[in-house]
Amino acid sequence: MIDQISPARDNPTDILRWAAIAFVIGFGIHGLDHLRRGMSASPPFIMVGGMVMAYMAGLHYWWPKMTGRMYSQWWSRLSALIIFVGFFLTFLPQFVVGYNGMPRRYHSYPPEFQVLNVMSTAGASILALGYLLPMIYLVWSLKYGAVAGPNPWPATGLEWKTDSPPPTENFLVTPEVTWEPYDFETRPDLELDHIVAGKLPAPAHGDD
């Protein structure tokens, strides 16, 4: 999904990258979890870090196609950062208490685990704020968001060749696919004017 978005235009890859990074880190920690029994955070790490963040990334990617409206890039990036911080603040302390012998699903625990559990509670509150923000700016975009157009990113997937939102038949005319899946160099319809002589632009500072 990320690879099909042009690197040459402002796009939603910030939140997609945050989701991908959180998923990879979470899956790695999940693997380490099997080295010791009693961990408290491994299942939520996979469910939230893998499934929920992937859902949020997909929702932001296809929102303009589903609704025909753009959401705020600034608020979406802020939300991604808050979710990222809240996610790890919620679950990393649970790995520590699990490693030190605290079982899961206990409503009371020894005093030495108090600080770490309070940290998890604070992280969960931050995580909830991060999930609340998209509900606000996505709903706001339905009325006040800029018109998205068929391909706002621009991306090379076939779904971006039809209107946003798509008509009942998806395509008014059957499309002809004459390009490769990740072809940005020979696609004048993407309006990437700064792609010269068949070469993509150099990565921006910090992206290489």
C-alpha atoms as a PDB file:
ATOM      1  CA  MET A   1       0.000   0.000   0.000  1.00  0.00           C
ATOM      2  CA  ILE A   2       2.805   2.424   0.917  1.00  0.00           C
ATOM      3  CA  ASP A   3       4.784   1.474  -2.197  1.00  0.00           C
ATOM      4  CA  GLN A   4       1.887   2.458  -4.451  1.00  0.00           C
ATOM      5  CA  ILE A   5       1.902   6.062  -3.199  1.00  0.00           C
ATOM      6  CA  SER A   6       4.021   8.587  -5.046  1.00  0.00           C
ATOM      7  CA  PRO A   7       7.117   9.706  -3.109  1.00  0.00           C
ATOM      8  CA  ALA A   8       6.857  13.048  -4.819  1.00  0.00           C
ATOM      9  CA  ARG A   9       3.742  14.538  -3.243  1.00  0.00           C
ATOM     10  CA  ASP A  10       2.451  15.235   0.248  1.00  0.00           C
ATOM     11  CA  ASN A  11       0.616  12.068   1.190  1.00  0.00           C
ATOM     12  CA  PRO A  12      -0.619   9.993   4.178  1.00  0.00           C
ATOM     13  CA  THR A  13       2.493   7.856   4.469  1.00  0.00           C
ATOM     14  CA  ASP A  14       3.306   9.370   7.870  1.00  0.00           C
ATOM     15  CA  ILE A  15       0.538   7.461   9.603  1.00  0.00           C
ATOM     16  CA  LEU A  16       1.213   4.382   7.453  1.00  0.00           C
ATOM     17  CA  ARG A  17       4.882   4.439   8.434  1.00  0.00           C
ATOM     18  CA  TRP A  18       4.026   4.834  12.123  1.00  0.00           C
ATOM     19  CA  ALA A  19       1.723   1.817  11.848  1.00  0.00           C
ATOM     20  CA  ALA A  20       4.371  -0.244  10.058  1.00  0.00           C
ATOM     21  CA  ILE A  21       7.086   0.659  12.576  1.00  0.00           C
ATOM     22  CA  ALA A  22       4.845  -0.135  15.551  1.00  0.00           C
ATOM     23  CA  PHE A  23       3.839  -3.441  13.964  1.00  0.00           C
ATOM     24  CA  VAL A  24       7.439  -4.551  13.326  1.00  0.00           C
ATOM     25  CA  ILE A  25       8.624  -3.565  16.797  1.00  0.00           C
ATOM     26  CA  GLY A  26       5.582  -5.147  18.417  1.00  0.00           C
ATOM     27  CA  PHE A  27       6.011  -8.394  16.517  1.00  0.00           C
ATOM     28  CA  GLY A  28       9.672  -8.523  17.489  1.00  0.00           C
ATOM     29  CA  ILE A  29       8.874  -8.037  21.161  1.00  0.00           C
ATOM     30  CA  HIS A  30       6.138 -10.637  20.848  1.00  0.00           C
ATOM     31  CA  GLY A  31       8.780 -13.106  19.683  1.00  0.00           C
ATOM     32  CA  LEU A  32      11.010 -12.298  22.623  1.00  0.00           C
ATOM     33  CA  ASP A  33       8.019 -12.847  24.896  1.00  0.00           C
ATOM     34  CA  HIS A  34       8.188 -16.575  24.213  1.00  0.00           C
ATOM     35  CA  LEU A  35      11.583 -16.670  25.879  1.00  0.00           C
ATOM     36  CA  ARG A  36       9.869 -16.307  29.246  1.00  0.00           C
ATOM     37  CA  ARG A  37       6.437 -17.259  30.515  1.00  0.00           C
ATOM     38  CA  GLY A  38       4.250 -14.842  32.465  1.00  0.00           C
ATOM     39  CA  MET A  39       4.485 -11.816  30.209  1.00  0.00           C
ATOM     40  CA  SER A  40       1.476  -9.507  30.515  1.00  0.00           C
ATOM     41  CA  ALA A  41       1.596  -7.528  27.285  1.00  0.00           C
ATOM     42  CA  SER A  42       2.258  -9.874  24.380  1.00  0.00           C
ATOM     43  CA  PRO A  43      -1.323 -10.494  23.090  1.00  0.00           C
ATOM     44  CA  PRO A  44      -2.327  -6.793  23.266  1.00  0.00           C
ATOM     45  CA  PHE A  45       0.940  -5.891  21.562  1.00  0.00           C
ATOM     46  CA  ILE A  46      -0.018  -7.991  18.546  1.00  0.00           C
ATOM     47  CA  MET A  47      -3.723  -7.111  18.520  1.00  0.00           C
ATOM     48  CA  VAL A  48      -3.293  -3.348  18.927  1.00  0.00           C
ATOM     49  CA  GLY A  49       0.082  -2.936  17.254  1.00  0.00           C
ATOM     50  CA  GLY A  50      -0.752  -5.239  14.386  1.00  0.00           C
ATOM     51  CA  MET A  51      -4.462  -5.216  13.682  1.00  0.00           C
ATOM     52  CA  VAL A  52      -5.707  -1.894  15.076  1.00  0.00           C
ATOM     53  CA  MET A  53      -2.863   0.196  13.680  1.00  0.00           C
ATOM     54  CA  ALA A  54      -3.156  -1.533  10.314  1.00  0.00           C
ATOM     55  CA  TYR A  55      -6.887  -0.754  10.345  1.00  0.00           C
ATOM     56  CA  MET A  56      -6.203   2.911  11.145  1.00  0.00           C
ATOM     57  CA  ALA A  57      -3.628   3.123   8.356  1.00  0.00           C
ATOM     58  CA  GLY A  58      -6.016   1.583   5.828  1.00  0.00           C
ATOM     59  CA  LEU A  59      -8.845   3.849   6.966  1.00  0.00           C
ATOM     60  CA  HIS A  60      -6.735   6.939   6.360  1.00  0.00           C
ATOM     61  CA  TYR A  61      -5.477   5.649   3.030  1.00  0.00           C
ATOM     62  CA  TRP A  62      -8.902   4.940   1.576  1.00  0.00           C
ATOM     63  CA  TRP A  63     -10.916   7.648   3.353  1.00  0.00           C
ATOM     64  CA  PRO A  64     -10.699  10.069   0.397  1.00  0.00           C
ATOM     65  CA  LYS A  65     -11.790   7.297  -1.960  1.00  0.00           C
ATOM     66  CA  MET A  66     -14.739   6.309   0.235  1.00  0.00           C
ATOM     67  CA  THR A  67     -15.954   9.827   1.013  1.00  0.00           C
ATOM     68  CA  GLY A  68     -14.538  12.067  -1.707  1.00  0.00           C
ATOM     69  CA  ARG A  69     -13.121  14.378   0.973  1.00  0.00           C
ATOM     70  CA  MET A  70      -9.641  15.004   2.374  1.00  0.00           C
ATOM     71  CA  TYR A  71      -8.879  15.101   6.086  1.00  0.00           C
ATOM     72  CA  SER A  72      -6.327  17.322   7.822  1.00  0.00           C
ATOM     73  CA  GLN A  73      -2.774  16.084   7.254  1.00  0.00           C
ATOM     74  CA  TRP A  74      -1.548  17.958  10.338  1.00  0.00           C
ATOM     75  CA  TRP A  75      -4.111  16.419  12.685  1.00  0.00           C
ATOM     76  CA  SER A  76      -3.570  12.939  11.229  1.00  0.00           C
ATOM     77  CA  ARG A  77       0.174  13.175  11.849  1.00  0.00           C
ATOM     78  CA  LEU A  78      -0.404  14.397  15.393  1.00  0.00           C
ATOM     79  CA  SER A  79      -2.816  11.539  15.995  1.00  0.00           C
ATOM     80  CA  ALA A  80      -0.290   9.007  14.657  1.00  0.00           C
ATOM     81  CA  LEU A  81       2.384  10.354  17.011  1.00  0.00           C
ATOM     82  CA  ILE A  82       0.055  10.278  20.024  1.00  0.00           C
ATOM     83  CA  ILE A  83      -1.030   6.714  19.234  1.00  0.00           C
ATOM     84  CA  PHE A  84       2.585   5.625  18.826  1.00  0.00           C
ATOM     85  CA  VAL A  85       3.618   7.114  22.189  1.00  0.00           C
ATOM     86  CA  GLY A  86       0.503   5.942  24.015  1.00  0.00           C
ATOM     87  CA  PHE A  87       0.805   2.427  22.607  1.00  0.00           C
ATOM     88  CA  PHE A  88       4.332   1.829  23.885  1.00  0.00           C
ATOM     89  CA  LEU A  89       3.737   3.630  27.176  1.00  0.00           C
ATOM     90  CA  THR A  90       0.746   1.367  27.760  1.00  0.00           C
ATOM     91  CA  PHE A  91       2.316  -1.991  26.989  1.00  0.00           C
ATOM     92  CA  LEU A  92       6.070  -1.765  27.590  1.00  0.00           C
ATOM     93  CA  PRO A  93       5.606  -1.498  31.389  1.00  0.00           C
ATOM     94  CA  GLN A  94       3.485  -4.650  31.198  1.00  0.00           C
ATOM     95  CA  PHE A  95       6.437  -6.544  29.780  1.00  0.00           C
ATOM     96  CA  VAL A  96       8.509  -5.421  32.749  1.00  0.00           C
ATOM     97  CA  VAL A  97       5.968  -6.461  35.371  1.00  0.00           C
ATOM     98  CA  GLY A  98       5.386  -9.735  33.560  1.00  0.00           C
ATOM     99  CA  TYR A  99       9.105 -10.409  33.429  1.00  0.00           C
ATOM    100  CA  ASN A 100       9.253  -9.800  37.179  1.00  0.00           C
ATOM    101  CA  GLY A 101       6.514 -12.313  37.920  1.00  0.00           C
ATOM    102  CA  MET A 102       3.178 -10.475  37.858  1.00  0.00           C
ATOM    103  CA  PRO A 103       0.547 -12.667  36.167  1.00  0.00           C
ATOM    104  CA  ARG A 104      -2.047 -11.282  33.790  1.00  0.00           C
ATOM    105  CA  ARG A 105      -5.626 -10.346  34.733  1.00  0.00           C
ATOM    106  CA  TYR A 106      -4.969  -9.704  38.421  1.00  0.00           C
ATOM    107  CA  HIS A 107      -6.958  -6.828  39.899  1.00  0.00           C
ATOM    108  CA  SER A 108      -4.498  -6.384  42.773  1.00  0.00           C
ATOM    109  CA  TYR A 109      -0.725  -6.614  42.807  1.00  0.00           C
ATOM    110  CA  PRO A 110       2.245  -6.044  45.128  1.00  0.00           C
ATOM    111  CA  PRO A 111       3.283  -2.421  45.802  1.00  0.00           C
ATOM    112  CA  GLU A 112       6.478  -2.756  43.759  1.00  0.00           C
ATOM    113  CA  PHE A 113       4.372  -2.964  40.599  1.00  0.00           C
ATOM    114  CA  GLN A 114       2.363   0.191  41.353  1.00  0.00           C
ATOM    115  CA  VAL A 115       4.449   2.695  39.372  1.00  0.00           C
ATOM    116  CA  LEU A 116       4.583   0.546  36.234  1.00  0.00           C
ATOM    117  CA  ASN A 117       0.848  -0.096  36.308  1.00  0.00           C
ATOM    118  CA  VAL A 118       0.158   3.629  36.750  1.00  0.00           C
ATOM    119  CA  MET A 119       2.392   4.248  33.715  1.00  0.00           C
ATOM    120  CA  SER A 120       0.281   1.763  31.742  1.00  0.00           C
ATOM    121  CA  THR A 121      -2.891   3.538  32.824  1.00  0.00           C
ATOM    122  CA  ALA A 122      -1.447   6.879  31.727  1.00  0.00           C
ATOM    123  CA  GLY A 123      -0.399   5.344  28.416  1.00  0.00           C
ATOM    124  CA  ALA A 124      -3.884   3.961  27.867  1.00  0.00           C
ATOM    125  CA  SER A 125      -5.316   7.453  28.404  1.00  0.00           C
ATOM    126  CA  ILE A 126      -2.897   8.871  25.814  1.00  0.00           C
ATOM    127  CA  LEU A 127      -3.778   6.031  23.446  1.00  0.00           C
ATOM    128  CA  ALA A 128      -7.484   6.783  23.857  1.00  0.00           C
ATOM    129  CA  LEU A 129      -6.843  10.428  22.947  1.00  0.00           C
ATOM    130  CA  GLY A 130      -4.966   9.307  19.851  1.00  0.00           C
ATOM    131  CA  TYR A 131      -7.938   7.185  18.768  1.00  0.00           C
ATOM    132  CA  LEU A 132     -10.418   9.961  19.550  1.00  0.00           C
ATOM    133  CA  LEU A 133      -8.756  12.520  17.294  1.00  0.00           C
ATOM    134  CA  PRO A 134      -9.426  10.631  14.021  1.00  0.00           C
ATOM    135  CA  MET A 135     -13.088  10.312  14.950  1.00  0.00           C
ATOM    136  CA  ILE A 136     -13.226  14.101  15.144  1.00  0.00           C
ATOM    137  CA  TYR A 137     -11.242  15.178  12.092  1.00  0.00           C
ATOM    138  CA  LEU A 138     -12.591  12.405   9.848  1.00  0.00           C
ATOM    139  CA  VAL A 139     -16.180  13.338  10.661  1.00  0.00           C
ATOM    140  CA  TRP A 140     -15.255  17.017  10.247  1.00  0.00           C
ATOM    141  CA  SER A 141     -13.820  16.282   6.810  1.00  0.00           C
ATOM    142  CA  LEU A 142     -17.159  14.916   5.582  1.00  0.00           C
ATOM    143  CA  LYS A 143     -18.507  18.468   5.448  1.00  0.00           C
ATOM    144  CA  TYR A 144     -15.491  20.760   5.481  1.00  0.00           C
ATOM    145  CA  GLY A 145     -12.710  18.699   3.919  1.00  0.00           C
ATOM    146  CA  ALA A 146     -11.279  19.620   0.532  1.00  0.00           C
ATOM    147  CA  VAL A 147     -12.612  17.673  -2.455  1.00  0.00           C
ATOM    148  CA  ALA A 148     -10.298  14.705  -2.915  1.00  0.00           C
ATOM    149  CA  GLY A 149     -10.613  14.036  -6.625  1.00  0.00           C
ATOM    150  CA  PRO A 150      -9.998  10.609  -8.151  1.00  0.00           C
ATOM    151  CA  ASN A 151      -6.351  10.251  -7.075  1.00  0.00           C
ATOM    152  CA  PRO A 152      -5.222  12.688  -4.363  1.00  0.00           C
ATOM    153  CA  TRP A 153      -1.982  10.966  -3.318  1.00  0.00           C
ATOM    154  CA  PRO A 154      -1.226  10.102  -6.285  1.00  0.00           C
ATOM    155  CA  ALA A 155      -1.152   6.309  -6.263  1.00  0.00           C
ATOM    156  CA  THR A 156      -0.851   3.678  -8.985  1.00  0.00           C
ATOM    157  CA  GLY A 157      -3.583   1.306  -7.812  1.00  0.00           C
ATOM    158  CA  LEU A 158      -6.526   0.748 -10.133  1.00  0.00           C
ATOM    159  CA  GLU A 159      -9.053   2.021  -7.584  1.00  0.00           C
ATOM    160  CA  TRP A 160      -7.575   5.495  -8.004  1.00  0.00           C
ATOM    161  CA  LYS A 161      -8.631   5.585 -11.671  1.00  0.00           C
ATOM    162  CA  THR A 162     -12.288   6.120 -10.784  1.00  0.00           C
ATOM    163  CA  ASP A 163     -14.218   8.888  -9.057  1.00  0.00           C
ATOM    164  CA  SER A 164     -14.169   9.458  -5.301  1.00  0.00           C
ATOM    165  CA  PRO A 165     -16.469   8.091  -4.037  1.00  0.00           C
ATOM    166  CA  PRO A 166     -16.846   5.501  -6.796  1.00  0.00           C
ATOM    167  CA  PRO A 167     -20.090   5.180  -8.757  1.00  0.00           C
ATOM    168  CA  THR A 168     -22.306   2.137  -8.280  1.00  0.00           C
ATOM    169  CA  GLU A 169     -20.578   0.286 -11.127  1.00  0.00           C
ATOM    170  CA  ASN A 170     -17.100   1.307  -9.828  1.00  0.00           C
ATOM    171  CA  PHE A 171     -15.972   2.293 -13.344  1.00  0.00           C
ATOM    172  CA  LEU A 172     -18.080   4.113 -15.913  1.00  0.00           C
ATOM    173  CA  VAL A 173     -15.723   2.756 -18.577  1.00  0.00           C
ATOM    174  CA  THR A 174     -13.738  -0.459 -18.246  1.00  0.00           C
ATOM    175  CA  PRO A 175     -10.153   0.653 -17.509  1.00  0.00           C
ATOM    176  CA  GLU A 176      -7.181  -0.583 -19.489  1.00  0.00           C
ATOM    177  CA  VAL A 177      -4.098  -1.357 -17.420  1.00  0.00           C
ATOM    178  CA  THR A 178      -0.974  -0.447 -19.364  1.00  0.00           C
ATOM    179  CA  TRP A 179       1.441   0.186 -16.478  1.00  0.00           C
ATOM    180  CA  GLU A 180       3.361  -1.789 -13.879  1.00  0.00           C
ATOM    181  CA  PRO A 181       2.128  -1.803 -10.244  1.00  0.00           C
ATOM    182  CA  TYR A 182       4.754   0.686  -9.008  1.00  0.00           C
ATOM    183  CA  ASP A 183       5.328   2.657 -12.195  1.00  0.00           C
ATOM    184  CA  PHE A 184       5.624   6.380 -11.469  1.00  0.00           C
ATOM    185  CA  GLU A 185       7.938   7.175 -14.357  1.00  0.00           C
ATOM    186  CA  THR A 186       5.629   6.651 -17.349  1.00  0.00           C
ATOM    187  CA  ARG A 187       2.356   7.888 -15.844  1.00  0.00           C
ATOM    188  CA  PRO A 188       1.557  11.394 -17.149  1.00  0.00           C
ATOM    189  CA  ASP A 189      -1.905  11.050 -15.612  1.00  0.00           C
ATOM    190  CA  LEU A 190      -0.310  11.284 -12.140  1.00  0.00           C
ATOM    191  CA  GLU A 191       0.820  14.841 -12.967  1.00  0.00           C
ATOM    192  CA  LEU A 192       4.258  14.391 -11.460  1.00  0.00           C
ATOM    193  CA  ASP A 193       5.835  17.229 -13.416  1.00  0.00           C
ATOM    194  CA  HIS A 194       9.135  17.132 -11.556  1.00  0.00           C
ATOM    195  CA  ILE A 195       9.917  13.594 -12.721  1.00  0.00           C
ATOM    196  CA  VAL A 196      12.347  14.343 -15.518  1.00  0.00           C
ATOM    197  CA  ALA A 197      14.031  11.959 -17.930  1.00  0.00           C
ATOM    198  CA  GLY A 198      12.374   8.925 -16.385  1.00  0.00           C
ATOM    199  CA  LYS A 199      13.990   9.326 -12.967  1.00  0.00           C
ATOM    200  CA  LEU A 200      12.338   9.737  -9.601  1.00  0.00           C
ATOM    201  CA  PRO A 201      13.382  12.725  -7.483  1.00  0.00           C
ATOM    202  CA  ALA A 202      16.103  12.280  -4.910  1.00  0.00           C
ATOM    203  CA  PRO A 203      14.774  11.441  -1.429  1.00  0.00           C
ATOM    204  CA  ALA A 204      14.220  14.378   0.870  1.00  0.00           C
ATOM    205  CA  HIS A 205      16.653  14.999   3.708  1.00  0.00           C
ATOM    206  CA  GLY A 206      16.024  12.431   6.438  1.00  0.00           C
ATOM    207  CA  ASP A 207      14.276   9.975   4.104  1.00  0.00           C
ATOM    208  CA  ASP A 208      17.404   8.315   2.714  1.00  0.00           C
END
